[in-house]
C-alpha atoms as a PDB file:
ATOM      1  CA  MET A   1     108.454  85.865 108.423  1.00  0.00           C
ATOM      2  CA  ASP A   2     109.245  87.965 105.389  1.00  0.00           C
ATOM      3  CA  GLU A   3     106.065  90.072 105.517  1.00  0.00           C
ATOM      4  CA  VAL A   4     104.921  93.508 106.606  1.00  0.00           C
ATOM      5  CA  ILE A   5     103.094  93.620 109.947  1.00  0.00           C
ATOM      6  CA  ILE A   6     100.319  96.216 110.045  1.00  0.00           C
ATOM      7  CA  VAL A   7      99.037  97.178 113.491  1.00  0.00           C
ATOM      8  CA  GLY A   8      95.382  98.193 113.221  1.00  0.00           C
ATOM      9  CA  ALA A   9      92.582  97.396 110.755  1.00  0.00           C
ATOM     10  CA  GLY A  10      91.168 100.893 110.482  1.00  0.00           C
ATOM     11  CA  ILE A  11      90.906 102.906 107.276  1.00  0.00           C
ATOM     12  CA  GLY A  12      94.648 103.557 107.102  1.00  0.00           C
ATOM     13  CA  GLY A  13      95.730 100.005 107.892  1.00  0.00           C
ATOM     14  CA  LEU A  14      93.330  98.374 105.458  1.00  0.00           C
ATOM     15  CA  THR A  15      94.153 100.810 102.647  1.00  0.00           C
ATOM     16  CA  LEU A  16      97.849 100.189 103.196  1.00  0.00           C
ATOM     17  CA  ALA A  17      97.280  96.423 103.141  1.00  0.00           C
ATOM     18  CA  LEU A  18      95.408  96.657  99.833  1.00  0.00           C
ATOM     19  CA  ALA A  19      98.151  98.822  98.324  1.00  0.00           C
ATOM     20  CA  LEU A  20     100.867  96.417  99.458  1.00  0.00           C
ATOM     21  CA  HIS A  21      98.953  93.404  98.168  1.00  0.00           C
ATOM     22  CA  GLN A  22      98.477  95.108  94.803  1.00  0.00           C
ATOM     23  CA  ALA A  23     102.245  95.726  94.696  1.00  0.00           C
ATOM     24  CA  GLY A  24     102.961  92.047  95.444  1.00  0.00           C
ATOM     25  CA  ILE A  25     104.197  92.632  99.000  1.00  0.00           C
ATOM     26  CA  SER A  26     103.028  90.144 101.609  1.00  0.00           C
ATOM     27  CA  CYS A  27     101.417  91.663 104.705  1.00  0.00           C
ATOM     28  CA  ARG A  28      99.291  90.735 107.703  1.00  0.00           C
ATOM     29  CA  ILE A  29      96.995  92.963 109.796  1.00  0.00           C
ATOM     30  CA  HIS A  30      96.671  92.632 113.570  1.00  0.00           C
ATOM     31  CA  GLU A  31      93.515  94.246 114.986  1.00  0.00           C
ATOM     32  CA  SER A  32      92.849  94.784 118.677  1.00  0.00           C
ATOM     33  CA  ALA A  33      89.052  94.372 118.454  1.00  0.00           C
ATOM     34  CA  PRO A  34      87.611  90.846 118.611  1.00  0.00           C
ATOM     35  CA  GLU A  35      85.325  91.615 115.660  1.00  0.00           C
ATOM     36  CA  LEU A  36      85.156  94.323 113.008  1.00  0.00           C
ATOM     37  CA  LYS A  37      81.731  95.964 112.841  1.00  0.00           C
ATOM     38  CA  ALA A  38      80.241  98.969 111.045  1.00  0.00           C
ATOM     39  CA  VAL A  39      80.542 101.504 113.871  1.00  0.00           C
ATOM     40  CA  GLY A  40      80.988 105.274 113.913  1.00  0.00           C
ATOM     41  CA  VAL A  41      79.386 108.121 112.007  1.00  0.00           C
ATOM     42  CA  GLY A  42      79.873 109.829 108.659  1.00  0.00           C
ATOM     43  CA  ILE A  43      83.056 110.883 106.888  1.00  0.00           C
ATOM     44  CA  ASN A  44      83.919 112.295 103.468  1.00  0.00           C
ATOM     45  CA  LEU A  45      86.154 111.037 100.688  1.00  0.00           C
ATOM     46  CA  LEU A  46      87.228 113.880  98.428  1.00  0.00           C
ATOM     47  CA  PRO A  47      88.206 113.318  94.765  1.00  0.00           C
ATOM     48  CA  HIS A  48      91.923 112.981  95.538  1.00  0.00           C
ATOM     49  CA  ALA A  49      91.034 110.145  97.914  1.00  0.00           C
ATOM     50  CA  THR A  50      88.550 108.375  95.656  1.00  0.00           C
ATOM     51  CA  ARG A  51      91.094 108.541  92.832  1.00  0.00           C
ATOM     52  CA  ASP A  52      93.502 106.392  94.831  1.00  0.00           C
ATOM     53  CA  LEU A  53      90.744 104.059  96.020  1.00  0.00           C
ATOM     54  CA  ALA A  54      89.595 103.690  92.406  1.00  0.00           C
ATOM     55  CA  ALA A  55      93.167 102.668  91.518  1.00  0.00           C
ATOM     56  CA  LEU A  56      92.705  99.857  94.052  1.00  0.00           C
ATOM     57  CA  GLY A  57      89.514  98.796  92.230  1.00  0.00           C
ATOM     58  CA  LEU A  58      87.149  99.978  94.977  1.00  0.00           C
ATOM     59  CA  GLU A  59      85.012 102.664  93.337  1.00  0.00           C
ATOM     60  CA  PRO A  60      82.119 100.342  92.319  1.00  0.00           C
ATOM     61  CA  ALA A  61      81.856  98.912  95.843  1.00  0.00           C
ATOM     62  CA  LEU A  62      81.994 102.369  97.412  1.00  0.00           C
ATOM     63  CA  SER A  63      79.347 103.772  95.070  1.00  0.00           C
ATOM     64  CA  ARG A  64      76.927 101.065  96.224  1.00  0.00           C
ATOM     65  CA  VAL A  65      77.067 102.125  99.888  1.00  0.00           C
ATOM     66  CA  ALA A  66      77.889 105.849  99.738  1.00  0.00           C
ATOM     67  CA  ILE A  67      76.235 109.058  98.609  1.00  0.00           C
ATOM     68  CA  GLU A  68      77.934 110.794  95.681  1.00  0.00           C
ATOM     69  CA  THR A  69      77.994 114.350  97.054  1.00  0.00           C
ATOM     70  CA  ARG A  70      77.025 116.960  94.474  1.00  0.00           C
ATOM     71  CA  ASP A  71      77.095 120.350  96.186  1.00  0.00           C
ATOM     72  CA  ALA A  72      78.310 122.326  99.193  1.00  0.00           C
ATOM     73  CA  THR A  73      75.673 124.737 100.451  1.00  0.00           C
ATOM     74  CA  PHE A  74      76.252 127.409 103.097  1.00  0.00           C
ATOM     75  CA  PHE A  75      73.557 129.019 105.262  1.00  0.00           C
ATOM     76  CA  ASN A  76      73.607 131.502 108.109  1.00  0.00           C
ATOM     77  CA  ARG A  77      72.075 130.621 111.484  1.00  0.00           C
ATOM     78  CA  PHE A  78      68.709 131.902 110.282  1.00  0.00           C
ATOM     79  CA  GLY A  79      68.601 129.366 107.454  1.00  0.00           C
ATOM     80  CA  GLN A  80      69.247 131.946 104.730  1.00  0.00           C
ATOM     81  CA  LEU A  81      71.328 130.814 101.747  1.00  0.00           C
ATOM     82  CA  ILE A  82      74.776 132.401 101.549  1.00  0.00           C
ATOM     83  CA  TYR A  83      76.582 130.436  98.864  1.00  0.00           C
ATOM     84  CA  GLN A  84      76.522 127.177  96.940  1.00  0.00           C
ATOM     85  CA  GLU A  85      79.134 125.379  94.835  1.00  0.00           C
ATOM     86  CA  ARG A  86      79.374 122.027  93.060  1.00  0.00           C
ATOM     87  CA  LEU A  87      81.470 119.167  94.338  1.00  0.00           C
ATOM     88  CA  GLY A  88      83.087 116.028  92.929  1.00  0.00           C
ATOM     89  CA  ARG A  89      82.182 115.041  89.399  1.00  0.00           C
ATOM     90  CA  ALA A  90      79.558 117.791  89.324  1.00  0.00           C
ATOM     91  CA  ALA A  91      82.444 120.263  89.695  1.00  0.00           C
ATOM     92  CA  GLY A  92      84.423 118.666  86.851  1.00  0.00           C
ATOM     93  CA  TYR A  93      86.670 116.274  88.769  1.00  0.00           C
ATOM     94  CA  ASP A  94      87.465 112.920  87.219  1.00  0.00           C
ATOM     95  CA  HIS A  95      86.440 111.139  90.412  1.00  0.00           C
ATOM     96  CA  PRO A  96      83.477 111.581  92.755  1.00  0.00           C
ATOM     97  CA  GLN A  97      83.254 112.910  96.265  1.00  0.00           C
ATOM     98  CA  PHE A  98      81.674 110.299  98.514  1.00  0.00           C
ATOM     99  CA  SER A  99      79.889 110.883 101.810  1.00  0.00           C
ATOM    100  CA  ILE A 100      79.895 107.553 103.596  1.00  0.00           C
ATOM    101  CA  HIS A 101      79.379 105.911 106.961  1.00  0.00           C
ATOM    102  CA  ARG A 102      82.796 105.224 108.434  1.00  0.00           C
ATOM    103  CA  GLY A 103      81.815 101.640 109.177  1.00  0.00           C
ATOM    104  CA  ASP A 104      80.661 101.083 105.588  1.00  0.00           C
ATOM    105  CA  LEU A 105      84.006 102.333 104.272  1.00  0.00           C
ATOM    106  CA  GLN A 106      85.914 100.113 106.677  1.00  0.00           C
ATOM    107  CA  LEU A 107      83.888  97.044 105.702  1.00  0.00           C
ATOM    108  CA  VAL A 108      84.384  97.712 101.966  1.00  0.00           C
ATOM    109  CA  LEU A 109      88.138  97.824 102.559  1.00  0.00           C
ATOM    110  CA  LEU A 110      88.061  94.760 104.815  1.00  0.00           C
ATOM    111  CA  GLU A 111      86.011  92.632 102.435  1.00  0.00           C
ATOM    112  CA  ALA A 112      88.234  93.576  99.505  1.00  0.00           C
ATOM    113  CA  PHE A 113      91.421  92.707 101.386  1.00  0.00           C
ATOM    114  CA  ARG A 114      90.088  89.394 102.659  1.00  0.00           C
ATOM    115  CA  ALA A 115      88.850  88.444  99.203  1.00  0.00           C
ATOM    116  CA  ARG A 116      92.213  89.227  97.613  1.00  0.00           C
ATOM    117  CA  ALA A 117      94.683  88.167 100.292  1.00  0.00           C
ATOM    118  CA  GLY A 118      92.738  85.621 102.343  1.00  0.00           C
ATOM    119  CA  ASP A 119      90.888  85.669 105.652  1.00  0.00           C
ATOM    120  CA  GLU A 120      93.970  84.517 107.550  1.00  0.00           C
ATOM    121  CA  ARG A 121      95.708  87.811 106.697  1.00  0.00           C
ATOM    122  CA  VAL A 122      93.514  89.663 109.216  1.00  0.00           C
ATOM    123  CA  VAL A 123      94.120  88.626 112.836  1.00  0.00           C
ATOM    124  CA  THR A 124      91.528  89.996 115.278  1.00  0.00           C
ATOM    125  CA  ASN A 125      91.688  90.156 119.079  1.00  0.00           C
ATOM    126  CA  SER A 126      95.409  90.861 118.660  1.00  0.00           C
ATOM    127  CA  HIS A 127      96.301  93.953 120.699  1.00  0.00           C
ATOM    128  CA  CYS A 128      99.740  95.480 120.147  1.00  0.00           C
ATOM    129  CA  LEU A 129     101.821  95.961 123.290  1.00  0.00           C
ATOM    130  CA  ALA A 130     105.271  96.850 121.958  1.00  0.00           C
ATOM    131  CA  VAL A 131     107.710  96.440 119.079  1.00  0.00           C
ATOM    132  CA  GLU A 132     111.381  95.510 118.873  1.00  0.00           C
ATOM    133  CA  GLN A 133     113.633  95.681 115.828  1.00  0.00           C
ATOM    134  CA  ASP A 134     117.022  94.272 114.932  1.00  0.00           C
ATOM    135  CA  ASP A 135     119.073  94.179 111.756  1.00  0.00           C
ATOM    136  CA  SER A 136     117.019  91.360 110.259  1.00  0.00           C
ATOM    137  CA  GLY A 137     113.483  92.493 111.027  1.00  0.00           C
ATOM    138  CA  VAL A 138     110.855  93.364 113.604  1.00  0.00           C
ATOM    139  CA  THR A 139     109.154  91.517 116.460  1.00  0.00           C
ATOM    140  CA  VAL A 140     105.733  92.748 117.559  1.00  0.00           C
ATOM    141  CA  PHE A 141     104.291  91.703 120.924  1.00  0.00           C
ATOM    142  CA  PHE A 142     100.541  91.187 121.335  1.00  0.00           C
ATOM    143  CA  SER A 143      97.936  90.280 123.945  1.00  0.00           C
ATOM    144  CA  ASN A 144      94.555  88.699 123.319  1.00  0.00           C
ATOM    145  CA  GLY A 145      92.715  91.995 123.246  1.00  0.00           C
ATOM    146  CA  PRO A 146      93.162  95.047 125.505  1.00  0.00           C
ATOM    147  CA  GLY A 147      93.912  93.820 129.008  1.00  0.00           C
ATOM    148  CA  GLY A 148      94.309  90.225 127.849  1.00  0.00           C
ATOM    149  CA  THR A 149      96.719  87.952 129.707  1.00  0.00           C
ATOM    150  CA  ARG A 150      97.712  85.651 126.840  1.00  0.00           C
ATOM    151  CA  ARG A 151     100.828  86.814 124.987  1.00  0.00           C
ATOM    152  CA  SER A 152     101.991  86.189 121.423  1.00  0.00           C
ATOM    153  CA  THR A 153     104.544  87.563 118.997  1.00  0.00           C
ATOM    154  CA  ALA A 154     104.775  88.109 115.260  1.00  0.00           C
ATOM    155  CA  ARG A 155     107.958  88.416 113.255  1.00  0.00           C
ATOM    156  CA  GLY A 156     108.171  90.475 110.067  1.00  0.00           C
ATOM    157  CA  ARG A 157     110.394  92.540 107.826  1.00  0.00           C
ATOM    158  CA  VAL A 158     108.825  95.791 109.032  1.00  0.00           C
ATOM    159  CA  ALA A 159     106.000  96.952 111.328  1.00  0.00           C
ATOM    160  CA  ILE A 160     103.701  99.849 110.509  1.00  0.00           C
ATOM    161  CA  ALA A 161     101.561 101.379 113.253  1.00  0.00           C
ATOM    162  CA  CYS A 162      98.023 102.236 112.158  1.00  0.00           C
ATOM    163  CA  ASP A 163      96.536 101.811 115.618  1.00  0.00           C
ATOM    164  CA  GLY A 164      94.726 105.119 115.979  1.00  0.00           C
ATOM    165  CA  ILE A 165      94.473 107.842 118.575  1.00  0.00           C
ATOM    166  CA  ASN A 166      95.653 105.601 121.422  1.00  0.00           C
ATOM    167  CA  SER A 167      98.556 104.077 119.504  1.00  0.00           C
ATOM    168  CA  ALA A 168     100.740 101.824 121.642  1.00  0.00           C
ATOM    169  CA  VAL A 169     103.591 102.149 119.146  1.00  0.00           C
ATOM    170  CA  ARG A 170     103.437 105.947 119.173  1.00  0.00           C
ATOM    171  CA  LYS A 171     103.495 105.946 122.973  1.00  0.00           C
ATOM    172  CA  GLN A 172     106.496 103.616 122.958  1.00  0.00           C
ATOM    173  CA  PHE A 173     108.611 106.054 120.958  1.00  0.00           C
ATOM    174  CA  TYR A 174     107.105 109.262 122.355  1.00  0.00           C
ATOM    175  CA  PRO A 175     106.137 108.449 125.967  1.00  0.00           C
ATOM    176  CA  ASP A 176     106.264 112.106 127.058  1.00  0.00           C
ATOM    177  CA  GLU A 177     104.258 113.539 124.157  1.00  0.00           C
ATOM    178  CA  GLY A 178     101.274 114.389 126.341  1.00  0.00           C
ATOM    179  CA  GLU A 179      97.669 115.063 125.443  1.00  0.00           C
ATOM    180  CA  PRO A 180      96.669 117.125 122.379  1.00  0.00           C
ATOM    181  CA  ARG A 181      95.769 120.790 122.853  1.00  0.00           C
ATOM    182  CA  TYR A 182      92.106 121.716 122.953  1.00  0.00           C
ATOM    183  CA  SER A 183      91.092 124.181 120.231  1.00  0.00           C
ATOM    184  CA  GLY A 184      88.229 125.707 122.207  1.00  0.00           C
ATOM    185  CA  VAL A 185      85.610 123.997 120.021  1.00  0.00           C
ATOM    186  CA  ASN A 186      83.667 120.943 121.125  1.00  0.00           C
ATOM    187  CA  MET A 187      81.822 118.642 118.722  1.00  0.00           C
ATOM    188  CA  TRP A 188      78.730 116.501 119.096  1.00  0.00           C
ATOM    189  CA  ARG A 189      78.112 114.023 116.297  1.00  0.00           C
ATOM    190  CA  GLY A 190      75.267 111.771 115.317  1.00  0.00           C
ATOM    191  CA  VAL A 191      73.287 110.154 112.524  1.00  0.00           C
ATOM    192  CA  THR A 192      69.559 110.575 111.936  1.00  0.00           C
ATOM    193  CA  ARG A 193      67.143 108.800 109.599  1.00  0.00           C
ATOM    194  CA  TRP A 194      65.349 111.664 107.859  1.00  0.00           C
ATOM    195  CA  ARG A 195      63.715 112.728 104.645  1.00  0.00           C
ATOM    196  CA  PRO A 196      66.166 113.823 101.912  1.00  0.00           C
ATOM    197  CA  MET A 197      66.861 117.551 102.122  1.00  0.00           C
ATOM    198  CA  LEU A 198      67.788 120.011  99.394  1.00  0.00           C
ATOM    199  CA  SER A 199      69.367 118.039  96.498  1.00  0.00           C
ATOM    200  CA  GLY A 200      69.452 114.808  98.495  1.00  0.00           C
ATOM    201  CA  ALA A 201      73.255 114.864  98.019  1.00  0.00           C
ATOM    202  CA  SER A 202      74.113 118.219  99.608  1.00  0.00           C
ATOM    203  CA  MET A 203      76.782 118.974 102.175  1.00  0.00           C
ATOM    204  CA  VAL A 204      75.345 121.721 104.358  1.00  0.00           C
ATOM    205  CA  ARG A 205      77.187 124.120 106.633  1.00  0.00           C
ATOM    206  CA  ALA A 206      75.091 126.501 108.703  1.00  0.00           C
ATOM    207  CA  GLY A 207      75.860 129.009 111.435  1.00  0.00           C
ATOM    208  CA  TRP A 208      79.219 129.670 113.054  1.00  0.00           C
ATOM    209  CA  LEU A 209      81.265 128.386 115.973  1.00  0.00           C
ATOM    210  CA  SER A 210      80.587 131.248 118.378  1.00  0.00           C
ATOM    211  CA  HIS A 211      76.809 130.723 118.287  1.00  0.00           C
ATOM    212  CA  GLY A 212      76.638 127.149 117.041  1.00  0.00           C
ATOM    213  CA  LYS A 213      77.540 125.578 113.709  1.00  0.00           C
ATOM    214  CA  MET A 214      76.052 122.534 111.992  1.00  0.00           C
ATOM    215  CA  VAL A 215      77.576 120.351 109.270  1.00  0.00           C
ATOM    216  CA  ILE A 216      74.970 118.011 107.743  1.00  0.00           C
ATOM    217  CA  TYR A 217      75.154 115.509 104.875  1.00  0.00           C
ATOM    218  CA  PRO A 218      73.564 112.176 103.882  1.00  0.00           C
ATOM    219  CA  ILE A 219      75.708 109.041 104.029  1.00  0.00           C
ATOM    220  CA  ARG A 220      73.313 106.278 102.940  1.00  0.00           C
ATOM    221  CA  ALA A 221      70.652 106.236 100.249  1.00  0.00           C
ATOM    222  CA  ALA A 222      66.980 106.242 101.178  1.00  0.00           C
ATOM    223  CA  GLY A 223      65.446 102.882 101.953  1.00  0.00           C
ATOM    224  CA  SER A 224      61.934 101.632 101.336  1.00  0.00           C
ATOM    225  CA  ASP A 225      60.679 104.094 103.984  1.00  0.00           C
ATOM    226  CA  GLY A 226      62.031 107.023 101.965  1.00  0.00           C
ATOM    227  CA  LEU A 227      64.490 108.047 104.703  1.00  0.00           C
ATOM    228  CA  GLN A 228      68.202 108.620 104.240  1.00  0.00           C
ATOM    229  CA  LEU A 229      70.809 108.109 106.938  1.00  0.00           C
ATOM    230  CA  ILE A 230      72.106 111.646 107.483  1.00  0.00           C
ATOM    231  CA  ASN A 231      75.260 112.543 109.366  1.00  0.00           C
ATOM    232  CA  TRP A 232      75.481 115.717 111.423  1.00  0.00           C
ATOM    233  CA  VAL A 233      78.086 117.534 113.492  1.00  0.00           C
ATOM    234  CA  ALA A 234      77.312 120.316 115.980  1.00  0.00           C
ATOM    235  CA  GLU A 235      80.328 122.548 116.700  1.00  0.00           C
ATOM    236  CA  ILE A 236      80.324 125.145 119.476  1.00  0.00           C
ATOM    237  CA  GLU A 237      83.003 127.213 121.156  1.00  0.00           C
ATOM    238  CA  THR A 238      83.111 126.088 124.778  1.00  0.00           C
ATOM    239  CA  PRO A 239      85.770 126.317 127.502  1.00  0.00           C
ATOM    240  CA  ASN A 240      85.114 122.830 128.835  1.00  0.00           C
ATOM    241  CA  TYR A 241      85.681 119.439 127.257  1.00  0.00           C
ATOM    242  CA  ARG A 242      86.316 115.838 128.147  1.00  0.00           C
ATOM    243  CA  ARG A 243      89.265 113.687 127.063  1.00  0.00           C
ATOM    244  CA  ARG A 244      88.908 112.399 123.507  1.00  0.00           C
ATOM    245  CA  ASP A 245      87.203 109.052 123.192  1.00  0.00           C
ATOM    246  CA  TRP A 246      85.555 107.866 119.971  1.00  0.00           C
ATOM    247  CA  ASN A 247      82.895 105.963 121.909  1.00  0.00           C
ATOM    248  CA  ARG A 248      81.850 108.614 124.447  1.00  0.00           C
ATOM    249  CA  SER A 249      78.133 109.328 124.413  1.00  0.00           C
ATOM    250  CA  GLY A 250      77.075 112.968 124.363  1.00  0.00           C
ATOM    251  CA  SER A 251      74.130 114.668 126.044  1.00  0.00           C
ATOM    252  CA  LEU A 252      71.582 116.646 124.030  1.00  0.00           C
ATOM    253  CA  SER A 253      71.164 119.095 126.884  1.00  0.00           C
ATOM    254  CA  ASP A 254      74.800 120.211 126.509  1.00  0.00           C
ATOM    255  CA  PHE A 255      74.276 121.715 123.050  1.00  0.00           C
ATOM    256  CA  ILE A 256      70.662 121.558 121.816  1.00  0.00           C
ATOM    257  CA  GLY A 257      69.946 125.045 123.179  1.00  0.00           C
ATOM    258  CA  ALA A 258      72.181 126.647 120.551  1.00  0.00           C
ATOM    259  CA  PHE A 259      69.886 125.287 117.825  1.00  0.00           C
ATOM    260  CA  ALA A 260      66.511 125.515 119.547  1.00  0.00           C
ATOM    261  CA  ASP A 261      65.154 128.134 117.123  1.00  0.00           C
ATOM    262  CA  TRP A 262      66.636 126.671 113.942  1.00  0.00           C
ATOM    263  CA  HIS A 263      63.323 125.955 112.222  1.00  0.00           C
ATOM    264  CA  PHE A 264      64.079 126.359 108.508  1.00  0.00           C
ATOM    265  CA  ASP A 265      61.903 125.689 105.490  1.00  0.00           C
ATOM    266  CA  TRP A 266      64.392 123.007 104.389  1.00  0.00           C
ATOM    267  CA  LEU A 267      64.994 121.423 107.838  1.00  0.00           C
ATOM    268  CA  ASP A 268      63.667 121.558 111.401  1.00  0.00           C
ATOM    269  CA  VAL A 269      67.078 121.267 113.051  1.00  0.00           C
ATOM    270  CA  PRO A 270      66.115 120.602 116.716  1.00  0.00           C
ATOM    271  CA  SER A 271      63.651 117.887 115.703  1.00  0.00           C
ATOM    272  CA  PHE A 272      66.264 116.443 113.383  1.00  0.00           C
ATOM    273  CA  ILE A 273      68.877 116.313 116.153  1.00  0.00           C
ATOM    274  CA  ARG A 274      66.470 114.798 118.679  1.00  0.00           C
ATOM    275  CA  ALA A 275      65.677 111.976 116.230  1.00  0.00           C
ATOM    276  CA  ALA A 276      69.307 110.806 116.173  1.00  0.00           C
ATOM    277  CA  ASP A 277      70.083 107.133 116.701  1.00  0.00           C
ATOM    278  CA  GLN A 278      73.015 108.096 118.935  1.00  0.00           C
ATOM    279  CA  VAL A 279      74.947 111.219 119.961  1.00  0.00           C
ATOM    280  CA  LEU A 280      78.733 111.155 120.440  1.00  0.00           C
ATOM    281  CA  GLU A 281      80.925 113.883 121.934  1.00  0.00           C
ATOM    282  CA  PHE A 282      84.469 114.668 120.834  1.00  0.00           C
ATOM    283  CA  PRO A 283      86.697 117.732 121.341  1.00  0.00           C
ATOM    284  CA  MET A 284      88.354 119.403 118.357  1.00  0.00           C
ATOM    285  CA  VAL A 285      92.027 119.106 119.234  1.00  0.00           C
ATOM    286  CA  ASP A 286      95.419 119.856 117.769  1.00  0.00           C
ATOM    287  CA  GLN A 287      98.741 118.095 118.176  1.00  0.00           C
ATOM    288  CA  ASP A 288     102.186 118.980 116.922  1.00  0.00           C
ATOM    289  CA  PRO A 289     103.555 116.774 114.114  1.00  0.00           C
ATOM    290  CA  LEU A 290     106.028 114.170 115.246  1.00  0.00           C
ATOM    291  CA  PRO A 291     109.675 115.029 114.548  1.00  0.00           C
ATOM    292  CA  ARG A 292     109.950 111.728 112.688  1.00  0.00           C
ATOM    293  CA  TRP A 293     107.645 108.854 111.805  1.00  0.00           C
ATOM    294  CA  SER A 294     110.084 106.267 110.432  1.00  0.00           C
ATOM    295  CA  PHE A 295     112.709 104.424 112.450  1.00  0.00           C
ATOM    296  CA  TRP A 296     115.617 102.166 111.509  1.00  0.00           C
ATOM    297  CA  ALA A 297     117.553  99.434 113.314  1.00  0.00           C
ATOM    298  CA  GLY A 298     116.512  99.312 116.947  1.00  0.00           C
ATOM    299  CA  ASP A 299     113.261 101.129 116.178  1.00  0.00           C
ATOM    300  CA  ALA A 300     110.105 100.655 114.060  1.00  0.00           C
ATOM    301  CA  VAL A 301     107.994 102.549 111.551  1.00  0.00           C
ATOM    302  CA  GLY A 302     104.800 104.472 112.320  1.00  0.00           C
ATOM    303  CA  ARG A 303     102.230 105.756 109.856  1.00  0.00           C
ATOM    304  CA  ARG A 304     101.920 109.527 109.721  1.00  0.00           C
ATOM    305  CA  ARG A 305      98.829 110.659 111.515  1.00  0.00           C
ATOM    306  CA  ALA A 306      97.071 113.943 112.057  1.00  0.00           C
ATOM    307  CA  PRO A 307      95.036 113.799 115.269  1.00  0.00           C
ATOM    308  CA  ASP A 308      91.383 113.005 114.664  1.00  0.00           C
ATOM    309  CA  GLY A 309      89.350 116.113 115.361  1.00  0.00           C
ATOM    310  CA  ALA A 310      92.303 118.365 114.510  1.00  0.00           C
ATOM    311  CA  ALA A 311      91.575 121.715 112.904  1.00  0.00           C
ATOM    312  CA  ARG A 312      93.215 121.803 109.456  1.00  0.00           C
ATOM    313  CA  LEU A 313      93.831 124.692 107.125  1.00  0.00           C
ATOM    314  CA  GLN A 314      92.881 122.450 104.215  1.00  0.00           C
ATOM    315  CA  TRP A 315      89.853 120.237 104.769  1.00  0.00           C
ATOM    316  CA  ARG A 316      90.619 116.688 103.662  1.00  0.00           C
ATOM    317  CA  GLY A 317      87.931 114.605 105.342  1.00  0.00           C
ATOM    318  CA  ALA A 318      88.887 110.937 105.449  1.00  0.00           C
ATOM    319  CA  GLY A 319      91.692 111.510 102.938  1.00  0.00           C
ATOM    320  CA  ASP A 320      94.466 111.587 105.559  1.00  0.00           C
ATOM    321  CA  PRO A 321      94.576 107.920 106.595  1.00  0.00           C
ATOM    322  CA  ARG A 322      93.669 106.767 103.095  1.00  0.00           C
ATOM    323  CA  ARG A 323      96.470 108.850 101.544  1.00  0.00           C
ATOM    324  CA  ALA A 324      98.994 107.722 104.151  1.00  0.00           C
ATOM    325  CA  GLY A 325      98.160 104.108 103.351  1.00  0.00           C
ATOM    326  CA  THR A 326      98.626 104.448  99.607  1.00  0.00           C
ATOM    327  CA  ASP A 327     101.762 106.583 100.036  1.00  0.00           C
ATOM    328  CA  LEU A 328     103.384 103.918 102.190  1.00  0.00           C
ATOM    329  CA  GLY A 329     102.346 101.247  99.727  1.00  0.00           C
ATOM    330  CA  THR A 330     104.092 103.198  96.970  1.00  0.00           C
ATOM    331  CA  ALA A 331     107.188 103.794  99.107  1.00  0.00           C
ATOM    332  CA  ALA A 332     107.491 100.086  99.808  1.00  0.00           C
ATOM    333  CA  THR A 333     108.060  99.399  96.125  1.00  0.00           C
ATOM    334  CA  CYS A 334     110.755 102.050  95.574  1.00  0.00           C
ATOM    335  CA  ARG A 335     114.160 101.100  94.191  1.00  0.00           C
ATOM    336  CA  PRO A 336     116.743 103.841  94.870  1.00  0.00           C
ATOM    337  CA  ARG A 337     119.924 103.764  92.843  1.00  0.00           C
ATOM    338  CA  ARG A 338     122.494 103.771  95.626  1.00  0.00           C
ATOM    339  CA  ARG A 339     120.912 101.801  98.474  1.00  0.00           C
ATOM    340  CA  PRO A 340     118.099  99.320  98.919  1.00  0.00           C
ATOM    341  CA  CYS A 341     114.757 100.744  99.920  1.00  0.00           C
ATOM    342  CA  ARG A 342     113.684 100.086 103.467  1.00  0.00           C
ATOM    343  CA  LEU A 343     110.770 101.449 105.471  1.00  0.00           C
END
């Protein structure tokens, strides 16, 4: 078939699909999960990301489910104010900064793509096993979910891997890459239903890694009970960690001690943490960039990806997969002078 095959219906894959559809390029997404649900915790969309999502017509839908973040506020581990600055439109940007539940963002993207391209353009329970490419296109091999025994194939003009931290396509081309390097900082993440704090749209950073650091921000507006859904991340330098897994549950006893005396006039941190719906554990890791991410005849194409949990010199929140998706969508429409464009 003369269409682009996208492996993975995460933030990057769905954004790419929307960008391709807007450019008039036919595409189809294959997702390993049997059903797409609002799972995960909070993430941030900075103005450079919301600008591109607004160009895809998504800002109204995002504003209905996200918090428009207004300020970044820094405290020491005693709860004393160090510094505060405005964010997003409050800082003069043309577009907002959104704090949003990852699942809400994914569902906004999914609903928009299905409404524009059709439900049949998203194939679930379709787990990528491998890719092959010849001079006329790409063949992608699938099973009916991870570990499934039923096999199928899809034929397209190009395949783009957006299949996350355990990418089958990445492993196919870089089988000896190995595990990412641990940074020495472990993270515990969760969401808590709590009363609005400070401005009700603040991104808070308190403490430091050696003694315990918290990042806290609301991701859903208050309901009829007056409680917001508030995302939090506890970061602590620790020599031990477990292999990265988005779905690994964390234990309060492993980190709550670092925040036991954090009783501030604007938040009782230990009570706040203990009220979490769920606690997840994830190491902050780093991984060298791949020497190349696009492949020609005999190969395939993979979306650029910084490892989730990687320490970055420039904080970009959820902008990485979103930007990669729109960049690839733009590249797919290029028309060089001397040779035809090909991903």
